[in-house]
C-alpha atoms as a PDB file:
ATOM      1  CA  MET A   1       1.495  36.267  81.232  1.00  0.00           C
ATOM      2  CA  ARG A   2       0.833  39.069  78.787  1.00  0.00           C
ATOM      3  CA  GLU A   3       3.279  37.668  76.206  1.00  0.00           C
ATOM      4  CA  THR A   4       1.799  34.197  76.613  1.00  0.00           C
ATOM      5  CA  ARG A   5      -1.740  35.474  76.070  1.00  0.00           C
ATOM      6  CA  LEU A   6      -0.651  37.459  73.016  1.00  0.00           C
ATOM      7  CA  GLY A   7       1.040  34.402  71.537  1.00  0.00           C
ATOM      8  CA  SER A   8      -2.023  32.316  72.153  1.00  0.00           C
ATOM      9  CA  ALA A   9      -4.239  34.964  70.562  1.00  0.00           C
ATOM     10  CA  ILE A  10      -2.072  35.012  67.404  1.00  0.00           C
ATOM     11  CA  LEU A  11      -2.156  31.228  67.095  1.00  0.00           C
ATOM     12  CA  THR A  12      -5.918  31.222  67.606  1.00  0.00           C
ATOM     13  CA  ALA A  13      -6.414  33.874  64.956  1.00  0.00           C
ATOM     14  CA  LEU A  14      -4.248  31.971  62.458  1.00  0.00           C
ATOM     15  CA  ALA A  15      -6.194  28.808  63.108  1.00  0.00           C
ATOM     16  CA  ALA A  16      -9.445  30.641  62.576  1.00  0.00           C
ATOM     17  CA  VAL A  17      -8.278  32.039  59.234  1.00  0.00           C
ATOM     18  CA  LEU A  18      -7.080  28.630  58.022  1.00  0.00           C
ATOM     19  CA  SER A  19     -10.416  27.044  58.855  1.00  0.00           C
ATOM     20  CA  MET A  20     -12.571  29.951  57.629  1.00  0.00           C
ATOM     21  CA  PRO A  21     -14.541  28.127  54.870  1.00  0.00           C
ATOM     22  CA  LEU A  22     -15.571  25.367  57.274  1.00  0.00           C
ATOM     23  CA  VAL A  23     -16.464  27.790  60.083  1.00  0.00           C
ATOM     24  CA  THR A  24     -18.455  30.036  57.749  1.00  0.00           C
ATOM     25  CA  SER A  25     -20.417  27.057  56.508  1.00  0.00           C
ATOM     26  CA  CYS A  26     -21.222  25.929  60.062  1.00  0.00           C
ATOM     27  CA  LEU A  27     -22.304  29.429  61.106  1.00  0.00           C
ATOM     28  CA  ALA A  28     -24.641  29.791  58.138  1.00  0.00           C
ATOM     29  CA  SER A  29     -26.278  26.491  58.959  1.00  0.00           C
ATOM     30  CA  ALA A  30     -26.685  27.437  62.636  1.00  0.00           C
ATOM     31  CA  THR A  31     -28.248  30.759  61.717  1.00  0.00           C
ATOM     32  CA  GLU A  32     -30.802  29.050  59.487  1.00  0.00           C
ATOM     33  CA  ASN A  33     -31.679  26.630  62.289  1.00  0.00           C
ATOM     34  CA  ASP A  34     -32.037  29.491  64.795  1.00  0.00           C
ATOM     35  CA  ALA A  35     -34.453  31.304  62.506  1.00  0.00           C
ATOM     36  CA  SER A  36     -36.648  28.273  61.839  1.00  0.00           C
ATOM     37  CA  GLU A  37     -36.524  26.330  65.103  1.00  0.00           C
ATOM     38  CA  ALA A  38     -35.287  28.281  68.129  1.00  0.00           C
ATOM     39  CA  PRO A  39     -37.874  30.243  70.153  1.00  0.00           C
ATOM     40  CA  GLY A  40     -37.836  33.953  69.418  1.00  0.00           C
ATOM     41  CA  GLU A  41     -39.793  36.999  70.521  1.00  0.00           C
ATOM     42  CA  VAL A  42     -43.182  38.223  69.348  1.00  0.00           C
ATOM     43  CA  ARG A  43     -44.050  41.896  69.868  1.00  0.00           C
ATOM     44  CA  ILE A  44     -47.798  42.417  70.139  1.00  0.00           C
ATOM     45  CA  ALA A  45     -49.306  45.895  69.875  1.00  0.00           C
ATOM     46  CA  VAL A  46     -51.839  46.334  72.701  1.00  0.00           C
ATOM     47  CA  ASN A  47     -54.524  48.999  72.271  1.00  0.00           C
ATOM     48  CA  GLY A  48     -56.539  50.601  75.048  1.00  0.00           C
ATOM     49  CA  TRP A  49     -59.683  48.500  75.430  1.00  0.00           C
ATOM     50  CA  VAL A  50     -60.100  45.384  77.529  1.00  0.00           C
ATOM     51  CA  GLY A  51     -61.389  43.196  74.683  1.00  0.00           C
ATOM     52  CA  TYR A  52     -58.146  43.737  72.802  1.00  0.00           C
ATOM     53  CA  GLN A  53     -56.209  43.049  76.002  1.00  0.00           C
ATOM     54  CA  ALA A  54     -58.149  39.790  76.420  1.00  0.00           C
ATOM     55  CA  SER A  55     -57.136  38.642  72.932  1.00  0.00           C
ATOM     56  CA  ALA A  56     -53.504  39.607  73.535  1.00  0.00           C
ATOM     57  CA  ALA A  57     -53.478  37.804  76.911  1.00  0.00           C
ATOM     58  CA  VAL A  58     -54.708  34.496  75.484  1.00  0.00           C
ATOM     59  CA  LEU A  59     -52.375  34.656  72.492  1.00  0.00           C
ATOM     60  CA  THR A  60     -49.459  35.510  74.776  1.00  0.00           C
ATOM     61  CA  TYR A  61     -50.238  32.609  77.097  1.00  0.00           C
ATOM     62  CA  LEU A  62     -50.298  30.121  74.223  1.00  0.00           C
ATOM     63  CA  LEU A  63     -47.220  31.543  72.489  1.00  0.00           C
ATOM     64  CA  GLU A  64     -45.236  31.237  75.704  1.00  0.00           C
ATOM     65  CA  ASN A  65     -46.610  27.996  77.157  1.00  0.00           C
ATOM     66  CA  GLU A  66     -47.355  25.951  74.049  1.00  0.00           C
ATOM     67  CA  LEU A  67     -44.829  27.252  71.525  1.00  0.00           C
ATOM     68  CA  GLY A  68     -41.964  28.457  73.733  1.00  0.00           C
ATOM     69  CA  TYR A  69     -41.818  32.044  72.505  1.00  0.00           C
ATOM     70  CA  ARG A  70     -41.119  35.186  74.480  1.00  0.00           C
ATOM     71  CA  THR A  71     -43.636  37.975  74.050  1.00  0.00           C
ATOM     72  CA  GLU A  72     -43.574  41.720  74.525  1.00  0.00           C
ATOM     73  CA  HIS A  73     -46.693  43.853  74.842  1.00  0.00           C
ATOM     74  CA  VAL A  74     -46.198  47.252  73.213  1.00  0.00           C
ATOM     75  CA  GLN A  75     -48.809  49.652  74.616  1.00  0.00           C
ATOM     76  CA  LEU A  76     -49.893  51.940  71.766  1.00  0.00           C
ATOM     77  CA  ASP A  77     -52.972  53.641  70.390  1.00  0.00           C
ATOM     78  CA  GLU A  78     -54.325  52.468  67.046  1.00  0.00           C
ATOM     79  CA  ASP A  79     -52.473  54.874  64.743  1.00  0.00           C
ATOM     80  CA  ALA A  80     -49.177  54.399  66.563  1.00  0.00           C
ATOM     81  CA  SER A  81     -49.551  50.622  66.228  1.00  0.00           C
ATOM     82  CA  TRP A  82     -49.468  50.936  62.453  1.00  0.00           C
ATOM     83  CA  ARG A  83     -46.382  53.117  62.625  1.00  0.00           C
ATOM     84  CA  GLY A  84     -44.810  50.484  64.862  1.00  0.00           C
ATOM     85  CA  LEU A  85     -45.458  47.798  62.269  1.00  0.00           C
ATOM     86  CA  ASP A  86     -43.967  49.899  59.518  1.00  0.00           C
ATOM     87  CA  GLY A  87     -40.964  50.887  61.648  1.00  0.00           C
ATOM     88  CA  GLY A  88     -40.242  47.328  62.760  1.00  0.00           C
ATOM     89  CA  SER A  89     -40.980  47.688  66.502  1.00  0.00           C
ATOM     90  CA  VAL A  90     -44.257  45.701  66.398  1.00  0.00           C
ATOM     91  CA  ASP A  91     -45.010  42.318  64.797  1.00  0.00           C
ATOM     92  CA  VAL A  92     -48.799  42.145  64.966  1.00  0.00           C
ATOM     93  CA  ILE A  93     -51.985  44.114  65.588  1.00  0.00           C
ATOM     94  CA  VAL A  94     -54.540  41.533  66.717  1.00  0.00           C
ATOM     95  CA  GLU A  95     -57.741  43.627  66.403  1.00  0.00           C
ATOM     96  CA  ASN A  96     -57.945  46.157  63.610  1.00  0.00           C
ATOM     97  CA  TRP A  97     -61.087  48.276  63.168  1.00  0.00           C
ATOM     98  CA  GLY A  98     -61.053  49.180  59.481  1.00  0.00           C
ATOM     99  CA  HIS A  99     -58.325  51.820  59.104  1.00  0.00           C
ATOM    100  CA  GLN A 100     -58.249  51.574  55.320  1.00  0.00           C
ATOM    101  CA  GLU A 101     -56.310  54.842  55.222  1.00  0.00           C
ATOM    102  CA  GLN A 102     -53.530  53.212  57.247  1.00  0.00           C
ATOM    103  CA  MET A 103     -53.436  50.176  54.970  1.00  0.00           C
ATOM    104  CA  GLU A 104     -53.111  52.482  51.980  1.00  0.00           C
ATOM    105  CA  LEU A 105     -50.242  54.269  53.704  1.00  0.00           C
ATOM    106  CA  TYR A 106     -48.365  51.266  55.093  1.00  0.00           C
ATOM    107  CA  GLY A 107     -49.650  48.280  53.096  1.00  0.00           C
ATOM    108  CA  PRO A 108     -48.602  46.854  49.702  1.00  0.00           C
ATOM    109  CA  GLY A 109     -49.609  50.018  47.851  1.00  0.00           C
ATOM    110  CA  GLY A 110     -47.670  52.237  50.268  1.00  0.00           C
ATOM    111  CA  THR A 111     -44.463  51.610  52.180  1.00  0.00           C
ATOM    112  CA  GLY A 112     -45.067  47.846  52.208  1.00  0.00           C
ATOM    113  CA  GLY A 113     -44.397  47.391  55.928  1.00  0.00           C
ATOM    114  CA  ALA A 114     -47.868  46.032  56.828  1.00  0.00           C
ATOM    115  CA  ALA A 115     -49.779  42.985  55.596  1.00  0.00           C
ATOM    116  CA  ASP A 116     -53.437  42.030  56.069  1.00  0.00           C
ATOM    117  CA  GLY A 117     -53.622  38.917  58.262  1.00  0.00           C
ATOM    118  CA  GLY A 118     -57.265  38.067  57.598  1.00  0.00           C
ATOM    119  CA  PRO A 119     -60.186  37.976  60.055  1.00  0.00           C
ATOM    120  CA  ASN A 120     -59.665  37.312  63.758  1.00  0.00           C
ATOM    121  CA  GLY A 121     -63.234  36.006  64.091  1.00  0.00           C
ATOM    122  CA  ASN A 122     -64.671  39.009  65.937  1.00  0.00           C
ATOM    123  CA  GLU A 123     -67.535  41.023  64.490  1.00  0.00           C
ATOM    124  CA  GLY A 124     -67.234  44.727  65.317  1.00  0.00           C
ATOM    125  CA  ILE A 125     -70.238  47.003  65.832  1.00  0.00           C
ATOM    126  CA  ILE A 126     -70.013  50.683  66.799  1.00  0.00           C
ATOM    127  CA  GLY A 127     -73.064  52.765  67.635  1.00  0.00           C
ATOM    128  CA  TRP A 128     -74.861  55.191  69.903  1.00  0.00           C
ATOM    129  CA  TYR A 129     -76.564  53.588  72.888  1.00  0.00           C
ATOM    130  CA  ILE A 130     -79.215  54.511  75.464  1.00  0.00           C
ATOM    131  CA  PRO A 131     -80.423  52.435  78.446  1.00  0.00           C
ATOM    132  CA  LYS A 132     -83.665  50.595  77.748  1.00  0.00           C
ATOM    133  CA  TYR A 133     -85.358  52.147  80.794  1.00  0.00           C
ATOM    134  CA  LEU A 134     -85.003  55.562  79.161  1.00  0.00           C
ATOM    135  CA  VAL A 135     -86.367  54.366  75.811  1.00  0.00           C
ATOM    136  CA  GLU A 136     -89.361  52.833  77.574  1.00  0.00           C
ATOM    137  CA  GLU A 137     -90.073  56.275  79.028  1.00  0.00           C
ATOM    138  CA  HIS A 138     -89.349  58.140  75.777  1.00  0.00           C
ATOM    139  CA  PRO A 139     -89.842  55.633  72.908  1.00  0.00           C
ATOM    140  CA  GLU A 140     -89.118  58.217  70.209  1.00  0.00           C
ATOM    141  CA  ILE A 141     -85.440  58.592  71.193  1.00  0.00           C
ATOM    142  CA  GLY A 142     -84.649  55.192  69.729  1.00  0.00           C
ATOM    143  CA  THR A 143     -84.275  56.875  66.330  1.00  0.00           C
ATOM    144  CA  VAL A 144     -82.126  59.832  65.341  1.00  0.00           C
ATOM    145  CA  LYS A 145     -85.245  61.788  64.322  1.00  0.00           C
ATOM    146  CA  GLY A 146     -86.770  61.366  67.788  1.00  0.00           C
ATOM    147  CA  LEU A 147     -83.439  61.936  69.496  1.00  0.00           C
ATOM    148  CA  LYS A 148     -83.123  65.318  67.776  1.00  0.00           C
ATOM    149  CA  LYS A 149     -86.250  66.535  69.577  1.00  0.00           C
ATOM    150  CA  ASN A 150     -85.087  65.287  72.966  1.00  0.00           C
ATOM    151  CA  THR A 151     -81.413  66.162  73.328  1.00  0.00           C
ATOM    152  CA  ASP A 152     -82.343  68.247  76.374  1.00  0.00           C
ATOM    153  CA  LEU A 153     -82.771  64.957  78.274  1.00  0.00           C
ATOM    154  CA  PHE A 154     -78.979  64.749  78.318  1.00  0.00           C
ATOM    155  CA  ALA A 155     -78.253  68.413  79.079  1.00  0.00           C
ATOM    156  CA  SER A 156     -75.520  69.255  81.565  1.00  0.00           C
ATOM    157  CA  PRO A 157     -73.632  72.368  82.699  1.00  0.00           C
ATOM    158  CA  GLN A 158     -70.392  70.745  81.514  1.00  0.00           C
ATOM    159  CA  SER A 159     -71.764  70.771  77.946  1.00  0.00           C
ATOM    160  CA  GLU A 160     -72.983  74.381  78.002  1.00  0.00           C
ATOM    161  CA  ASP A 161     -76.553  73.090  78.425  1.00  0.00           C
ATOM    162  CA  LYS A 162     -76.339  71.065  75.240  1.00  0.00           C
ATOM    163  CA  GLY A 163     -77.028  67.375  75.494  1.00  0.00           C
ATOM    164  CA  VAL A 164     -73.984  65.354  76.559  1.00  0.00           C
ATOM    165  CA  PHE A 165     -72.818  62.648  74.204  1.00  0.00           C
ATOM    166  CA  LEU A 166     -70.425  60.508  76.248  1.00  0.00           C
ATOM    167  CA  GLY A 167     -67.390  59.376  74.276  1.00  0.00           C
ATOM    168  CA  SER A 168     -64.668  57.008  75.386  1.00  0.00           C
ATOM    169  CA  ASP A 169     -60.999  57.397  74.403  1.00  0.00           C
ATOM    170  CA  PRO A 170     -60.685  60.139  71.750  1.00  0.00           C
ATOM    171  CA  SER A 171     -58.148  57.996  69.862  1.00  0.00           C
ATOM    172  CA  PHE A 172     -60.775  55.289  69.137  1.00  0.00           C
ATOM    173  CA  VAL A 173     -62.448  54.981  65.726  1.00  0.00           C
ATOM    174  CA  THR A 174     -65.162  57.652  65.710  1.00  0.00           C
ATOM    175  CA  GLN A 175     -67.351  59.622  63.320  1.00  0.00           C
ATOM    176  CA  ASP A 176     -69.647  61.075  65.962  1.00  0.00           C
ATOM    177  CA  GLN A 177     -69.021  64.769  65.348  1.00  0.00           C
ATOM    178  CA  GLY A 178     -69.786  64.350  61.666  1.00  0.00           C
ATOM    179  CA  MET A 179     -73.076  62.632  62.561  1.00  0.00           C
ATOM    180  CA  ILE A 180     -73.972  65.378  65.046  1.00  0.00           C
ATOM    181  CA  ASN A 181     -73.316  67.993  62.355  1.00  0.00           C
ATOM    182  CA  ASN A 182     -75.274  66.251  59.608  1.00  0.00           C
ATOM    183  CA  PHE A 183     -78.389  65.561  61.659  1.00  0.00           C
ATOM    184  CA  GLY A 184     -78.352  68.934  63.426  1.00  0.00           C
ATOM    185  CA  LEU A 185     -78.222  67.428  66.910  1.00  0.00           C
ATOM    186  CA  ASP A 186     -77.840  69.787  69.859  1.00  0.00           C
ATOM    187  CA  LEU A 187     -75.137  67.602  71.439  1.00  0.00           C
ATOM    188  CA  LYS A 188     -71.612  68.104  72.690  1.00  0.00           C
ATOM    189  CA  ILE A 189     -69.136  65.240  72.861  1.00  0.00           C
ATOM    190  CA  VAL A 190     -67.556  64.803  76.284  1.00  0.00           C
ATOM    191  CA  TYR A 191     -64.773  62.217  76.325  1.00  0.00           C
ATOM    192  CA  ALA A 192     -64.429  60.051  79.417  1.00  0.00           C
ATOM    193  CA  GLY A 193     -60.737  59.533  78.563  1.00  0.00           C
ATOM    194  CA  SER A 194     -60.597  55.740  78.480  1.00  0.00           C
ATOM    195  CA  GLU A 195     -62.835  52.706  78.183  1.00  0.00           C
ATOM    196  CA  GLU A 196     -62.542  52.032  81.906  1.00  0.00           C
ATOM    197  CA  GLU A 197     -63.547  55.590  82.849  1.00  0.00           C
ATOM    198  CA  GLN A 198     -66.431  55.558  80.393  1.00  0.00           C
ATOM    199  CA  ILE A 199     -67.796  52.256  81.747  1.00  0.00           C
ATOM    200  CA  SER A 200     -67.537  53.597  85.296  1.00  0.00           C
ATOM    201  CA  GLU A 201     -69.650  56.626  84.369  1.00  0.00           C
ATOM    202  CA  ILE A 202     -72.181  54.548  82.407  1.00  0.00           C
ATOM    203  CA  ARG A 203     -72.530  52.153  85.339  1.00  0.00           C
ATOM    204  CA  GLU A 204     -73.127  54.992  87.780  1.00  0.00           C
ATOM    205  CA  ARG A 205     -75.833  56.527  85.573  1.00  0.00           C
ATOM    206  CA  TYR A 206     -77.408  53.155  84.841  1.00  0.00           C
ATOM    207  CA  GLU A 207     -77.674  52.145  88.483  1.00  0.00           C
ATOM    208  CA  GLN A 208     -79.392  55.464  89.250  1.00  0.00           C
ATOM    209  CA  GLU A 209     -81.592  55.117  86.124  1.00  0.00           C
ATOM    210  CA  GLU A 210     -80.404  58.503  84.908  1.00  0.00           C
ATOM    211  CA  PRO A 211     -80.327  59.609  81.248  1.00  0.00           C
ATOM    212  CA  VAL A 212     -77.118  58.782  79.401  1.00  0.00           C
ATOM    213  CA  LEU A 213     -76.309  58.699  75.671  1.00  0.00           C
ATOM    214  CA  PHE A 214     -72.973  57.234  74.688  1.00  0.00           C
ATOM    215  CA  TYR A 215     -70.625  55.791  72.086  1.00  0.00           C
ATOM    216  CA  PHE A 216     -70.144  52.061  72.550  1.00  0.00           C
ATOM    217  CA  TYR A 217     -69.125  48.964  70.638  1.00  0.00           C
ATOM    218  CA  GLN A 218     -69.175  45.197  70.428  1.00  0.00           C
ATOM    219  CA  PRO A 219     -67.523  42.874  71.290  1.00  0.00           C
ATOM    220  CA  GLN A 220     -68.044  44.240  74.789  1.00  0.00           C
ATOM    221  CA  TRP A 221     -68.665  42.225  77.956  1.00  0.00           C
ATOM    222  CA  LEU A 222     -70.835  44.951  79.536  1.00  0.00           C
ATOM    223  CA  PHE A 223     -73.773  44.147  77.245  1.00  0.00           C
ATOM    224  CA  GLU A 224     -74.355  41.060  79.387  1.00  0.00           C
ATOM    225  CA  ASP A 225     -75.022  43.309  82.405  1.00  0.00           C
ATOM    226  CA  PHE A 226     -76.898  46.250  80.903  1.00  0.00           C
ATOM    227  CA  ASP A 227     -80.039  46.326  78.781  1.00  0.00           C
ATOM    228  CA  LEU A 228     -79.169  48.851  76.076  1.00  0.00           C
ATOM    229  CA  VAL A 229     -80.854  50.135  72.918  1.00  0.00           C
ATOM    230  CA  GLN A 230     -78.865  51.220  69.875  1.00  0.00           C
ATOM    231  CA  VAL A 231     -80.089  54.464  68.304  1.00  0.00           C
ATOM    232  CA  GLU A 232     -81.258  53.938  64.707  1.00  0.00           C
ATOM    233  CA  PHE A 233     -79.463  55.959  62.020  1.00  0.00           C
ATOM    234  CA  PRO A 234     -79.702  55.644  58.249  1.00  0.00           C
ATOM    235  CA  GLU A 235     -77.822  52.508  57.269  1.00  0.00           C
ATOM    236  CA  TYR A 236     -74.187  52.862  56.276  1.00  0.00           C
ATOM    237  CA  VAL A 237     -73.472  52.872  52.548  1.00  0.00           C
ATOM    238  CA  GLU A 238     -69.997  53.117  51.094  1.00  0.00           C
ATOM    239  CA  GLY A 239     -68.872  56.727  50.821  1.00  0.00           C
ATOM    240  CA  CYS A 240     -71.424  58.199  53.229  1.00  0.00           C
ATOM    241  CA  GLU A 241     -68.608  58.999  55.649  1.00  0.00           C
ATOM    242  CA  ILE A 242     -66.307  60.518  53.030  1.00  0.00           C
ATOM    243  CA  ASP A 243     -66.574  64.002  54.610  1.00  0.00           C
ATOM    244  CA  PRO A 244     -65.673  63.543  58.288  1.00  0.00           C
ATOM    245  CA  GLU A 245     -67.486  66.809  59.174  1.00  0.00           C
ATOM    246  CA  ASP A 246     -70.768  65.797  57.541  1.00  0.00           C
ATOM    247  CA  ILE A 247     -71.738  62.132  57.934  1.00  0.00           C
ATOM    248  CA  GLY A 248     -75.330  61.198  57.162  1.00  0.00           C
ATOM    249  CA  CYS A 249     -75.246  57.536  58.205  1.00  0.00           C
ATOM    250  CA  GLY A 250     -74.442  55.214  61.055  1.00  0.00           C
ATOM    251  CA  TYR A 251     -71.238  53.233  61.437  1.00  0.00           C
ATOM    252  CA  PRO A 252     -70.380  50.309  59.165  1.00  0.00           C
ATOM    253  CA  GLU A 253     -70.115  46.819  60.610  1.00  0.00           C
ATOM    254  CA  TYR A 254     -66.522  45.635  60.840  1.00  0.00           C
ATOM    255  CA  GLU A 255     -65.050  42.214  60.177  1.00  0.00           C
ATOM    256  CA  LEU A 256     -62.173  42.681  62.587  1.00  0.00           C
ATOM    257  CA  ASN A 257     -58.837  41.487  61.299  1.00  0.00           C
ATOM    258  CA  LYS A 258     -55.171  41.004  62.101  1.00  0.00           C
ATOM    259  CA  ILE A 259     -52.378  43.120  60.645  1.00  0.00           C
ATOM    260  CA  PHE A 260     -48.840  41.711  60.476  1.00  0.00           C
ATOM    261  CA  ARG A 261     -45.470  43.291  59.987  1.00  0.00           C
ATOM    262  CA  LYS A 262     -44.483  42.157  56.485  1.00  0.00           C
ATOM    263  CA  GLY A 263     -41.155  40.771  57.660  1.00  0.00           C
ATOM    264  CA  PHE A 264     -42.938  38.738  60.340  1.00  0.00           C
ATOM    265  CA  THR A 265     -45.016  36.951  57.696  1.00  0.00           C
ATOM    266  CA  GLU A 266     -41.752  35.853  56.071  1.00  0.00           C
ATOM    267  CA  LYS A 267     -39.613  35.014  59.108  1.00  0.00           C
ATOM    268  CA  GLY A 268     -42.042  34.619  62.008  1.00  0.00           C
ATOM    269  CA  GLY A 269     -41.979  30.813  61.882  1.00  0.00           C
ATOM    270  CA  ASP A 270     -44.437  28.963  64.101  1.00  0.00           C
ATOM    271  CA  ALA A 271     -45.439  32.178  65.868  1.00  0.00           C
ATOM    272  CA  TYR A 272     -46.656  33.632  62.584  1.00  0.00           C
ATOM    273  CA  ARG A 273     -48.363  30.389  61.566  1.00  0.00           C
ATOM    274  CA  PHE A 274     -50.150  30.256  64.938  1.00  0.00           C
ATOM    275  CA  LEU A 275     -51.354  33.865  64.771  1.00  0.00           C
ATOM    276  CA  ASP A 276     -52.355  33.429  61.149  1.00  0.00           C
ATOM    277  CA  LYS A 277     -54.644  30.501  62.094  1.00  0.00           C
ATOM    278  CA  TRP A 278     -56.061  32.151  65.216  1.00  0.00           C
ATOM    279  CA  GLN A 279     -59.736  33.115  65.160  1.00  0.00           C
ATOM    280  CA  TRP A 280     -62.226  33.306  68.019  1.00  0.00           C
ATOM    281  CA  THR A 281     -65.710  34.629  68.671  1.00  0.00           C
ATOM    282  CA  ASN A 282     -67.114  37.712  70.374  1.00  0.00           C
ATOM    283  CA  GLU A 283     -68.318  35.402  73.143  1.00  0.00           C
ATOM    284  CA  ASP A 284     -64.781  34.055  73.647  1.00  0.00           C
ATOM    285  CA  GLN A 285     -63.347  37.538  73.929  1.00  0.00           C
ATOM    286  CA  ASN A 286     -66.116  38.757  76.234  1.00  0.00           C
ATOM    287  CA  THR A 287     -65.546  35.825  78.585  1.00  0.00           C
ATOM    288  CA  VAL A 288     -61.890  36.740  79.113  1.00  0.00           C
ATOM    289  CA  ALA A 289     -62.553  40.500  79.117  1.00  0.00           C
ATOM    290  CA  ARG A 290     -65.122  40.104  81.901  1.00  0.00           C
ATOM    291  CA  MET A 291     -62.619  38.168  84.035  1.00  0.00           C
ATOM    292  CA  ILE A 292     -60.135  41.020  83.674  1.00  0.00           C
ATOM    293  CA  ALA A 293     -62.394  44.087  83.891  1.00  0.00           C
ATOM    294  CA  ASP A 294     -65.268  42.923  86.073  1.00  0.00           C
ATOM    295  CA  GLU A 295     -63.754  40.176  88.241  1.00  0.00           C
ATOM    296  CA  GLY A 296     -60.381  41.874  88.674  1.00  0.00           C
ATOM    297  CA  MET A 297     -58.301  38.924  87.481  1.00  0.00           C
ATOM    298  CA  ASP A 298     -54.761  39.354  86.257  1.00  0.00           C
ATOM    299  CA  PRO A 299     -54.821  39.026  82.429  1.00  0.00           C
ATOM    300  CA  GLU A 300     -52.443  36.058  82.545  1.00  0.00           C
ATOM    301  CA  ASP A 301     -54.663  34.247  85.059  1.00  0.00           C
ATOM    302  CA  ALA A 302     -57.765  34.991  83.005  1.00  0.00           C
ATOM    303  CA  ALA A 303     -56.036  33.673  79.902  1.00  0.00           C
ATOM    304  CA  ALA A 304     -54.927  30.518  81.721  1.00  0.00           C
ATOM    305  CA  GLU A 305     -58.492  29.834  82.871  1.00  0.00           C
ATOM    306  CA  TRP A 306     -59.916  30.296  79.391  1.00  0.00           C
ATOM    307  CA  VAL A 307     -57.199  28.098  77.879  1.00  0.00           C
ATOM    308  CA  ALA A 308     -57.876  25.344  80.438  1.00  0.00           C
ATOM    309  CA  ASP A 309     -61.597  25.393  79.573  1.00  0.00           C
ATOM    310  CA  ASN A 310     -61.307  25.644  75.777  1.00  0.00           C
ATOM    311  CA  SER A 311     -58.658  23.258  74.471  1.00  0.00           C
ATOM    312  CA  ASP A 312     -61.075  22.168  71.733  1.00  0.00           C
ATOM    313  CA  VAL A 313     -60.916  25.724  70.375  1.00  0.00           C
ATOM    314  CA  TRP A 314     -57.244  26.650  70.603  1.00  0.00           C
ATOM    315  CA  GLN A 315     -55.726  23.306  69.632  1.00  0.00           C
ATOM    316  CA  ASP A 316     -56.718  24.087  66.057  1.00  0.00           C
ATOM    317  CA  TRP A 317     -54.631  27.273  66.114  1.00  0.00           C
ATOM    318  CA  LEU A 318     -51.359  25.472  66.769  1.00  0.00           C
ATOM    319  CA  PRO A 319     -49.112  25.022  63.740  1.00  0.00           C
END
């Protein structure tokens, strides 16, 4: 048997060599077809807030069920997502909050691994918030000048009797310490650790009508449940945040955008074309985020429900 197999192997090898030009031509053609037509895999960076997860869930559902792609969710913080794009382990960031320094490092003027994918349709707002019931009791705290005189409202032993400023995940976009420094506010930042933990603490304080001052952002489904007031700071002007330790303005407004791996823009096929066309509203995202965070739905089920109810929206995203 061994001699027979060896003889067969030699004959097979000779035949392969004799037909090499034809075989090579066929293989090249098949490879081109695989790249342009066969379903592949899309690796989506997923950052740690439920709104982002809602976007990723809907995009994943449509990529898999309408376009036949496989998807992988790569759980990363914001900075690591950019490194993933540049290193080739991530294809797309679906909700980028500014990060001009990362674009300079990894974009066309840097290593070239990342490419701006244009707006995703969401408008991003970051600010400091207080429940309306507290502002009704102390109207002056709706401005930074009035807040400065009343930081003792938020005092706690855990902040060394300074006022507590409740942060979320310390990896999120933040300039809060620089604002505290510039305006001379007697506040100490206490990070909840995650969006989920922060919302839990806000909810507890809100239901008891206790004082709470916190970092928050839109799009965010919780604004539909809570009546909140954003603290007024001097309006953002370009360059006012240049010194991160001394920031004399509020946050800018963000036109949230997509960031693609450069190679994905060139070889991503229908998956890239779909993601490139995708845009939706804050209301769309909040609808899905609420299903996940407040109603306890599995992200895939929440995405399926939104897709079933909004074909007039997502049909336009398909290539």
